[in-house]
């Protein structure tokens, strides 16, 4: 229920267009996400690091509160996620920002999380605190990653013990790197483990040029065969024990093997799993297997009791090609007066008391129908609301958002 526009508007759209959604993953705690901490100049809009304790820029609560409130109004649980390109080790020019490796910056990061979690501790709608989305440090050891996540989970538990923390493997929440060593070892059981599923990359996250796809077709029965190295691009040494050139069928059973392996690990340790982000971009047509892939993966995840959030909920196009190729938004936002991808006017929304903020909304109806035929579902996005001028007061205690279906104990 969050992406690139006013949160109140998105909340309205989510409630109407995705009535069976029950959780929103809001990537709206940007901390050491830009070069701002290391250079002079104006603060970027999406940077919440501050130089003094508690190391959090207070006006960021304006839009954090707005996103959380909008999600709650739409009947959604919230996974509140931190994102930091530098903090996650994604910029070698500023190694001191890497919270996986730098103890001083890591201590600031924990202080920030204690401060943020304390604000929302009395708010019943928080499903989990996602400590740091997608660690980007590709050489970080399992022990280093655990140290970060154990400390982050302890920080939020110190002020909001009932609410779980959410953590994943490194780098980039890759399923192929998730193992016994990814599990926290400090005795904390209030943890949800997560992973991304953009796989195979050149199918699910299709390049703009269709001719560059290594994986071109999917069907449930696995009629199309592809080299193992292409199905597990970049991970052949780990995932292709019978050789990178071995041809494998790309169908329902491929998904099942991938998810059952991590599910078996989770069952042995009695820990919950959540697919953090997944997608099949609009560049993949129905004939090429887009909706079959979606339906198969949801059915398998439901059978294994694995929850999920789709990336991403709402947007306005990708690389100049709206509704195509790399875009995966299920709600396409057309500004008032603009042409929509399907040539229709869509539906108009506006915020009470504000003029001229109507947008047209065109939904990816086949995806929504697939979602609703299988289960309640989640949506994910990067909160990017404009900062209001004043700091909003802490959220008042709210009743638990009514989920659209019961929430089993092991899934969102």
Protein backbone atom coordinates (compact mmCIF):
# COMPACT_ATOMS: atom_id res chain seq x y z
CA UNK A 1 0.00 0.00 0.00
CA UNK A 2 2.95 2.33 -0.41
CA UNK A 3 4.75 3.73 -3.36
CA UNK A 4 5.75 7.11 -4.66
CA UNK A 5 2.77 9.31 -3.79
CA UNK A 6 0.78 10.75 -0.89
CA UNK A 7 0.26 8.03 1.77
CA UNK A 8 -3.34 8.98 2.44
CA UNK A 9 -4.13 8.62 -1.24
CA UNK A 10 -2.35 5.28 -1.40
CA UNK A 11 -4.29 4.11 1.64
CA UNK A 12 -7.56 4.89 -0.13
CA UNK A 13 -6.43 3.12 -3.29
CA UNK A 14 -5.23 0.08 -1.34
CA UNK A 15 -8.51 -0.29 0.52
CA UNK A 16 -10.56 -0.21 -2.69
CA UNK A 17 -8.31 -1.85 -5.27
CA UNK A 18 -6.69 -4.55 -3.12
CA UNK A 19 -9.32 -5.47 -0.53
CA UNK A 20 -7.79 -8.87 0.22
CA UNK A 21 -4.34 -7.50 1.10
CA UNK A 22 -3.48 -7.89 4.77
CA UNK A 23 0.06 -6.56 5.13
CA UNK A 24 2.08 -3.64 3.72
CA UNK A 25 5.86 -3.70 3.78
CA UNK A 26 6.85 -0.04 4.04
CA UNK A 27 10.48 0.68 3.17
CA UNK A 28 10.45 4.09 4.82
CA UNK A 29 13.34 4.27 7.30
CA UNK A 30 16.17 5.49 5.02
CA UNK A 31 19.30 5.66 7.21
CA UNK A 32 22.76 6.30 5.76
CA UNK A 33 21.02 5.83 2.46
CA UNK A 34 22.85 8.70 0.72
CA UNK A 35 26.21 10.50 0.81
CA UNK A 36 24.71 13.23 2.99
CA UNK A 37 26.47 12.15 6.24
CA UNK A 38 29.85 12.59 4.54
CA UNK A 39 29.51 15.78 2.55
CA UNK A 40 28.28 19.33 2.92
CA UNK A 41 24.98 20.33 1.44
CA UNK A 42 21.26 20.13 1.88
CA UNK A 43 19.71 17.05 3.40
CA UNK A 44 18.12 14.79 0.77
CA UNK A 45 14.45 14.10 1.28
CA UNK A 46 15.01 10.43 1.98
CA UNK A 47 17.79 10.50 4.55
CA UNK A 48 16.93 10.01 8.24
CA UNK A 49 20.44 9.73 9.72
CA UNK A 50 21.36 12.48 12.20
CA UNK A 51 24.79 13.18 13.76
CA UNK A 52 23.64 13.27 17.39
CA UNK A 53 21.77 10.76 19.59
CA UNK A 54 19.41 9.11 18.89
CA UNK A 55 20.90 9.46 15.39
CA UNK A 56 17.50 9.95 13.75
CA UNK A 57 16.18 13.05 11.99
CA UNK A 58 12.92 13.75 13.81
CA UNK A 59 10.97 15.23 10.84
CA UNK A 60 11.15 11.79 9.21
CA UNK A 61 8.43 10.79 11.65
CA UNK A 62 6.06 13.08 9.74
CA UNK A 63 5.90 10.78 6.78
CA UNK A 64 6.55 7.56 8.72
CA UNK A 65 3.47 8.31 10.80
CA UNK A 66 1.53 9.15 7.66
CA UNK A 67 2.43 5.87 5.96
CA UNK A 68 1.67 3.75 9.03
CA UNK A 69 -1.62 5.52 9.61
CA UNK A 70 -2.66 5.15 5.96
CA UNK A 71 -1.89 1.43 6.02
CA UNK A 72 -3.83 1.00 9.23
CA UNK A 73 -6.80 2.86 7.76
CA UNK A 74 -6.73 0.42 4.83
CA UNK A 75 -6.86 -2.55 7.24
CA UNK A 76 -3.25 -3.55 6.72
CA UNK A 77 -0.56 -4.78 9.06
CA UNK A 78 2.77 -2.97 8.62
CA UNK A 79 6.29 -4.34 8.23
CA UNK A 80 8.43 -1.26 8.88
CA UNK A 81 11.75 -1.62 7.05
CA UNK A 82 15.05 0.26 7.20
CA UNK A 83 16.97 0.81 3.98
CA UNK A 84 20.48 2.18 3.69
CA UNK A 85 22.63 1.86 0.58
CA UNK A 86 25.72 2.93 2.52
CA UNK A 87 24.70 1.30 5.78
CA UNK A 88 24.21 -2.02 4.00
CA UNK A 89 27.70 -1.91 2.50
CA UNK A 90 26.71 -0.79 -0.97
CA UNK A 91 29.26 2.02 -1.35
CA UNK A 92 32.98 1.26 -1.06
CA UNK A 93 33.74 4.99 -0.98
CA UNK A 94 32.34 5.22 2.55
CA UNK A 95 33.29 2.01 4.39
CA UNK A 96 32.74 3.70 7.76
CA UNK A 97 28.99 3.74 6.99
CA UNK A 98 28.83 -0.06 6.70
CA UNK A 99 26.98 -1.21 9.81
CA UNK A 100 28.02 -4.80 9.22
CA UNK A 101 31.69 -3.91 9.66
CA UNK A 102 31.92 -0.64 11.59
CA UNK A 103 31.11 -1.00 15.29
CA UNK A 104 30.67 2.73 15.95
CA UNK A 105 28.16 3.20 13.13
CA UNK A 106 26.44 -0.01 14.12
CA UNK A 107 25.92 1.37 17.63
CA UNK A 108 24.30 4.48 16.13
CA UNK A 109 22.08 2.23 14.02
CA UNK A 110 20.90 0.31 17.09
CA UNK A 111 20.18 3.58 18.92
CA UNK A 112 18.12 4.74 15.94
CA UNK A 113 16.07 1.55 15.96
CA UNK A 114 15.39 1.81 19.69
CA UNK A 115 14.10 5.33 19.10
CA UNK A 116 11.88 4.37 16.16
CA UNK A 117 10.49 1.23 17.79
CA UNK A 118 9.73 3.17 20.98
CA UNK A 119 7.50 5.53 18.98
CA UNK A 120 5.43 2.66 17.57
CA UNK A 121 5.50 0.33 20.59
CA UNK A 122 1.97 1.37 21.59
CA UNK A 123 0.65 0.98 18.04
CA UNK A 124 -0.93 -2.44 17.53
CA UNK A 125 -0.63 -2.45 13.75
CA UNK A 126 3.12 -3.15 13.45
CA UNK A 127 3.66 -6.73 12.26
CA UNK A 128 7.47 -6.58 12.36
CA UNK A 129 10.51 -4.31 12.33
CA UNK A 130 12.70 -5.22 9.35
CA UNK A 131 16.15 -4.36 10.69
CA UNK A 132 18.00 -3.69 7.42
CA UNK A 133 16.72 -4.51 3.98
CA UNK A 134 19.09 -6.38 1.70
CA UNK A 135 22.63 -6.22 3.08
CA UNK A 136 24.75 -5.43 0.03
CA UNK A 137 28.18 -6.37 1.39
CA UNK A 138 28.89 -9.46 -0.71
CA UNK A 139 31.88 -10.60 1.35
CA UNK A 140 30.26 -10.26 4.78
CA UNK A 141 30.38 -13.53 6.72
CA UNK A 142 27.37 -15.18 8.30
CA UNK A 143 28.80 -14.30 11.72
CA UNK A 144 29.06 -10.61 10.82
CA UNK A 145 25.50 -10.54 9.52
CA UNK A 146 24.23 -12.30 12.63
CA UNK A 147 26.00 -9.78 14.87
CA UNK A 148 24.18 -6.95 13.12
CA UNK A 149 20.78 -8.59 13.18
CA UNK A 150 21.06 -9.87 16.74
CA UNK A 151 21.91 -6.37 17.94
CA UNK A 152 19.14 -4.78 15.88
CA UNK A 153 16.55 -7.25 17.13
CA UNK A 154 17.69 -6.69 20.71
CA UNK A 155 17.37 -2.92 20.21
CA UNK A 156 13.73 -3.06 19.14
CA UNK A 157 12.87 -5.75 21.70
CA UNK A 158 14.18 -3.50 24.47
CA UNK A 159 11.31 -1.08 23.84
CA UNK A 160 8.71 -3.24 22.04
CA UNK A 161 9.23 -6.85 23.11
CA UNK A 162 5.97 -8.31 21.69
CA UNK A 163 6.64 -7.20 18.09
CA UNK A 164 8.88 -9.49 16.01
CA UNK A 165 11.94 -8.36 14.14
CA UNK A 166 12.54 -9.48 10.56
CA UNK A 167 15.94 -10.49 9.18
CA UNK A 168 17.34 -12.27 6.13
CA UNK A 169 20.46 -13.66 4.55
CA UNK A 170 23.20 -11.74 2.77
CA UNK A 171 23.75 -10.55 0.19
CA UNK A 172 20.47 -9.09 -1.00
CA UNK A 173 18.22 -11.56 0.84
CA UNK A 174 19.14 -14.25 -1.69
CA UNK A 175 17.35 -17.51 -1.02
CA UNK A 176 20.40 -19.42 -2.24
CA UNK A 177 22.51 -18.03 0.62
CA UNK A 178 19.97 -18.83 3.35
CA UNK A 179 21.26 -21.63 5.58
CA UNK A 180 21.57 -22.83 9.17
CA UNK A 181 24.18 -20.11 9.63
CA UNK A 182 21.61 -17.44 8.84
CA UNK A 183 19.66 -18.21 12.01
CA UNK A 184 20.28 -15.94 14.98
CA UNK A 185 22.12 -17.64 17.83
CA UNK A 186 21.37 -15.38 20.78
CA UNK A 187 18.22 -17.21 21.85
CA UNK A 188 15.78 -14.64 20.40
CA UNK A 189 12.76 -16.59 19.15
CA UNK A 190 10.63 -13.58 18.19
CA UNK A 191 12.14 -13.41 14.71
CA UNK A 192 10.68 -13.74 11.22
CA UNK A 193 13.15 -14.89 8.56
CA UNK A 194 12.79 -13.46 5.08
CA UNK A 195 14.16 -13.81 1.56
CA UNK A 196 13.58 -12.33 -1.89
CA UNK A 197 12.33 -14.40 -4.80
CA UNK A 198 13.13 -12.57 -8.04
CA UNK A 199 14.00 -15.83 -9.75
CA UNK A 200 15.13 -16.56 -12.33
CA UNK A 201 16.35 -12.98 -12.51
CA UNK A 202 16.12 -12.65 -16.28
CA UNK A 203 12.54 -13.86 -16.21
CA UNK A 204 11.03 -12.32 -13.10
CA UNK A 205 12.95 -9.05 -13.48
CA UNK A 206 12.97 -8.91 -17.24
CA UNK A 207 15.44 -6.53 -18.90
CA UNK A 208 14.01 -3.75 -21.04
CA UNK A 209 15.27 -5.50 -24.17
CA UNK A 210 13.33 -8.79 -24.49
CA UNK A 211 16.14 -10.23 -26.65
CA UNK A 212 18.43 -10.22 -23.60
CA UNK A 213 16.32 -12.67 -21.64
CA UNK A 214 18.05 -15.94 -20.91
CA UNK A 215 14.78 -17.45 -19.68
CA UNK A 216 11.92 -16.77 -22.07
CA UNK A 217 9.02 -19.11 -21.25
CA UNK A 218 7.36 -20.72 -18.25
CA UNK A 219 4.61 -23.24 -17.90
CA UNK A 220 3.38 -25.18 -14.91
CA UNK A 221 4.41 -28.56 -16.30
CA UNK A 222 8.03 -27.54 -16.94
CA UNK A 223 7.85 -28.01 -20.71
CA UNK A 224 10.71 -25.55 -21.31
CA UNK A 225 14.27 -26.55 -20.38
CA UNK A 226 17.08 -24.15 -19.51
CA UNK A 227 20.71 -24.51 -18.36
CA UNK A 228 21.06 -24.59 -14.60
CA UNK A 229 23.48 -21.63 -14.75
CA UNK A 230 20.71 -19.46 -16.28
CA UNK A 231 18.03 -20.52 -13.83
CA UNK A 232 20.38 -19.78 -10.91
CA UNK A 233 22.27 -16.89 -12.48
CA UNK A 234 25.42 -16.08 -10.50
CA UNK A 235 24.90 -19.01 -8.11
CA UNK A 236 25.73 -21.99 -10.32
CA UNK A 237 28.61 -23.10 -8.07
CA UNK A 238 26.13 -23.42 -5.19
CA UNK A 239 22.95 -24.52 -6.94
CA UNK A 240 24.19 -26.66 -9.83
CA UNK A 241 25.99 -29.69 -8.29
CA UNK A 242 25.45 -31.70 -11.50
CA UNK A 243 27.03 -29.01 -13.62
CA UNK A 244 26.07 -25.53 -14.87
CA UNK A 245 25.07 -26.80 -18.33
CA UNK A 246 22.58 -29.40 -17.12
CA UNK A 247 19.13 -28.66 -18.55
CA UNK A 248 16.37 -28.28 -15.99
CA UNK A 249 12.61 -27.90 -16.51
CA UNK A 250 11.28 -24.47 -15.54
CA UNK A 251 7.87 -25.05 -14.01
CA UNK A 252 5.92 -25.65 -10.83
CA UNK A 253 8.32 -28.30 -9.52
CA UNK A 254 11.26 -25.89 -9.85
CA UNK A 255 9.54 -23.48 -7.48
CA UNK A 256 8.58 -26.31 -5.15
CA UNK A 257 12.15 -27.57 -4.80
CA UNK A 258 13.42 -24.05 -4.10
CA UNK A 259 10.85 -23.29 -1.41
CA UNK A 260 10.78 -26.74 0.17
CA UNK A 261 14.49 -26.60 0.89
CA UNK A 262 14.23 -23.42 2.95
CA UNK A 263 10.90 -24.59 4.42
CA UNK A 264 12.56 -27.80 5.66
CA UNK A 265 15.24 -25.76 7.42
CA UNK A 266 12.58 -23.55 9.00
CA UNK A 267 10.60 -26.57 10.15
CA UNK A 268 13.63 -28.11 11.83
CA UNK A 269 14.10 -24.93 13.87
CA UNK A 270 10.42 -23.97 14.22
CA UNK A 271 10.90 -20.48 12.77
CA UNK A 272 8.49 -18.54 10.51
CA UNK A 273 9.28 -17.54 6.92
CA UNK A 274 8.14 -14.63 4.78
CA UNK A 275 8.92 -13.90 1.13
CA UNK A 276 10.07 -10.29 1.40
CA UNK A 277 9.66 -9.34 -2.25
CA UNK A 278 8.76 -11.15 -5.42
CA UNK A 279 7.51 -10.16 -8.83
CA UNK A 280 7.06 -11.06 -12.45
CA UNK A 281 7.43 -7.91 -14.50
CA UNK A 282 4.94 -6.68 -17.05
CA UNK A 283 7.46 -7.46 -19.78
CA UNK A 284 6.51 -11.12 -19.43
CA UNK A 285 3.25 -11.78 -21.25
CA UNK A 286 0.51 -14.22 -20.35
CA UNK A 287 1.62 -16.39 -23.28
CA UNK A 288 5.14 -16.46 -21.87
CA UNK A 289 3.83 -17.69 -18.53
CA UNK A 290 3.51 -14.62 -16.31
CA UNK A 291 0.24 -15.53 -14.64
CA UNK A 292 0.96 -19.25 -14.50
CA UNK A 293 4.21 -18.46 -12.62
CA UNK A 294 2.35 -16.21 -10.20
CA UNK A 295 -0.44 -18.70 -9.52
CA UNK A 296 1.94 -21.63 -9.06
CA UNK A 297 4.24 -19.83 -6.66
CA UNK A 298 1.34 -18.57 -4.53
CA UNK A 299 -0.21 -22.02 -4.34
CA UNK A 300 3.09 -23.57 -3.23
CA UNK A 301 3.77 -20.83 -0.67
CA UNK A 302 0.29 -21.22 0.77
CA UNK A 303 0.73 -24.98 1.08
CA UNK A 304 3.98 -24.44 2.98
CA UNK A 305 2.47 -21.70 5.18
CA UNK A 306 4.87 -19.05 3.87
CA UNK A 307 3.56 -15.47 3.73
CA UNK A 308 4.66 -12.91 1.18
CA UNK A 309 4.60 -9.32 -0.07
CA UNK A 310 4.57 -8.43 -3.78
CA UNK A 311 7.00 -5.84 -5.16
CA UNK A 312 5.65 -3.30 -5.84
CA UNK A 313 2.17 -1.97 -5.23
CA UNK A 314 1.80 1.32 -7.08
CA UNK A 315 3.90 3.26 -9.58
CA UNK A 316 3.88 5.15 -12.81
CA UNK A 317 6.06 3.26 -15.23
CA UNK A 318 9.64 2.12 -15.71
CA UNK A 319 12.44 3.38 -17.97
CA UNK A 320 10.04 5.23 -20.21
CA UNK A 321 8.00 2.08 -20.82
CA UNK A 322 4.88 2.25 -18.63
CA UNK A 323 3.35 -1.08 -17.67
CA UNK A 324 6.09 -3.03 -19.45
CA UNK A 325 9.43 -4.78 -19.00
CA UNK A 326 10.95 -4.12 -15.58
CA UNK A 327 7.84 -2.62 -13.97
CA UNK A 328 5.85 -4.95 -11.73
CA UNK A 329 3.43 -2.58 -9.98
CA UNK A 330 -0.07 -4.03 -9.76
CA UNK A 331 -1.65 -0.57 -9.63
CA UNK A 332 -0.61 1.87 -12.35
CA UNK A 333 -0.97 5.52 -11.36
CA UNK A 334 -1.85 7.95 -14.14
CA UNK A 335 -1.93 11.61 -13.15
CA UNK A 336 -5.20 13.41 -13.79
CA UNK A 337 -5.55 14.15 -17.48
CA UNK A 338 -2.81 11.74 -18.55
CA UNK A 339 -3.31 8.74 -20.76
CA UNK A 340 -3.45 5.38 -18.98
CA UNK A 341 -1.75 2.29 -20.40
CA UNK A 342 -4.97 0.54 -21.36
CA UNK A 343 -6.54 3.68 -22.85
CA UNK A 344 -9.17 3.96 -20.13
CA UNK A 345 -9.81 6.71 -17.64
CA UNK A 346 -9.57 4.36 -14.67
CA UNK A 347 -11.00 5.53 -11.37
CA UNK A 348 -10.39 8.85 -9.68
CA UNK A 349 -9.27 9.36 -6.11
CA UNK A 350 -8.65 12.49 -4.11
CA UNK A 351 -7.92 13.43 -0.53
CA UNK A 352 -10.66 15.10 1.51
CA UNK A 353 -10.30 18.86 1.61
CA UNK A 354 -7.69 19.01 -1.15
CA UNK A 355 -8.27 20.09 -4.70
CA UNK A 356 -6.81 18.75 -7.92
CA UNK A 357 -5.06 15.69 -6.55
CA UNK A 358 -7.12 13.18 -8.49
CA UNK A 359 -5.30 10.34 -10.20
CA UNK A 360 -6.54 7.62 -12.51
CA UNK A 361 -5.81 4.09 -11.35
CA UNK A 362 -5.62 1.08 -13.65
CA UNK A 363 -5.15 -2.24 -11.89
CA UNK A 364 -3.44 -5.34 -13.25
CA UNK A 365 -6.68 -7.26 -12.91
CA UNK A 366 -5.36 -10.74 -13.84
CA UNK A 367 -2.75 -10.50 -11.07
CA UNK A 368 -5.32 -9.30 -8.54
CA UNK A 369 -7.67 -12.12 -9.54
CA UNK A 370 -4.85 -14.62 -9.11
CA UNK A 371 -3.99 -13.17 -5.70
CA UNK A 372 -7.57 -13.26 -4.50
CA UNK A 373 -8.20 -16.79 -5.77
CA UNK A 374 -5.40 -18.20 -3.63
CA UNK A 375 -5.02 -16.24 -0.40
CA UNK A 376 -4.78 -12.95 1.36
CA UNK A 377 -1.62 -11.22 0.29
CA UNK A 378 0.78 -8.41 0.99
CA UNK A 379 2.08 -5.43 -0.93
CA UNK A 380 5.42 -3.71 -0.70
CA UNK A 381 6.92 -0.40 -1.68
CA UNK A 382 9.20 2.49 -0.87
CA UNK A 383 7.45 5.23 1.06
CA UNK A 384 8.26 8.52 -0.60
CA UNK A 385 5.77 11.05 0.68
CA UNK A 386 6.71 14.74 0.79
CA UNK A 387 7.78 15.86 4.25
CA UNK A 388 5.11 17.98 5.97
CA UNK A 389 6.42 21.11 7.68
CA UNK A 390 5.81 20.07 11.30
CA UNK A 391 6.71 16.99 13.31
CA UNK A 392 3.59 14.89 13.84
CA UNK A 393 2.75 13.77 17.39
CA UNK A 394 3.25 10.10 18.28
CA UNK A 395 0.54 7.84 16.98
CA UNK A 396 -2.23 7.17 19.45
CA UNK A 397 -2.81 3.57 20.43
CA UNK A 398 -4.97 1.98 17.76
CA UNK A 399 -6.93 -1.25 17.64
CA UNK A 400 -5.34 -4.13 15.79
CA UNK A 401 -6.09 -3.78 12.05
CA UNK A 402 -8.70 -6.35 11.05
CA UNK A 403 -6.96 -8.79 8.68
CA UNK A 404 -8.94 -9.87 5.66
CA UNK A 405 -8.35 -13.52 6.62
CA UNK A 406 -7.09 -14.98 9.91
CA UNK A 407 -3.35 -14.64 10.36
CA UNK A 408 -1.76 -17.99 11.29
CA UNK A 409 0.99 -17.76 13.85
CA UNK A 410 3.74 -18.57 11.35
CA UNK A 411 2.88 -16.12 8.62
CA UNK A 412 1.96 -12.52 8.10
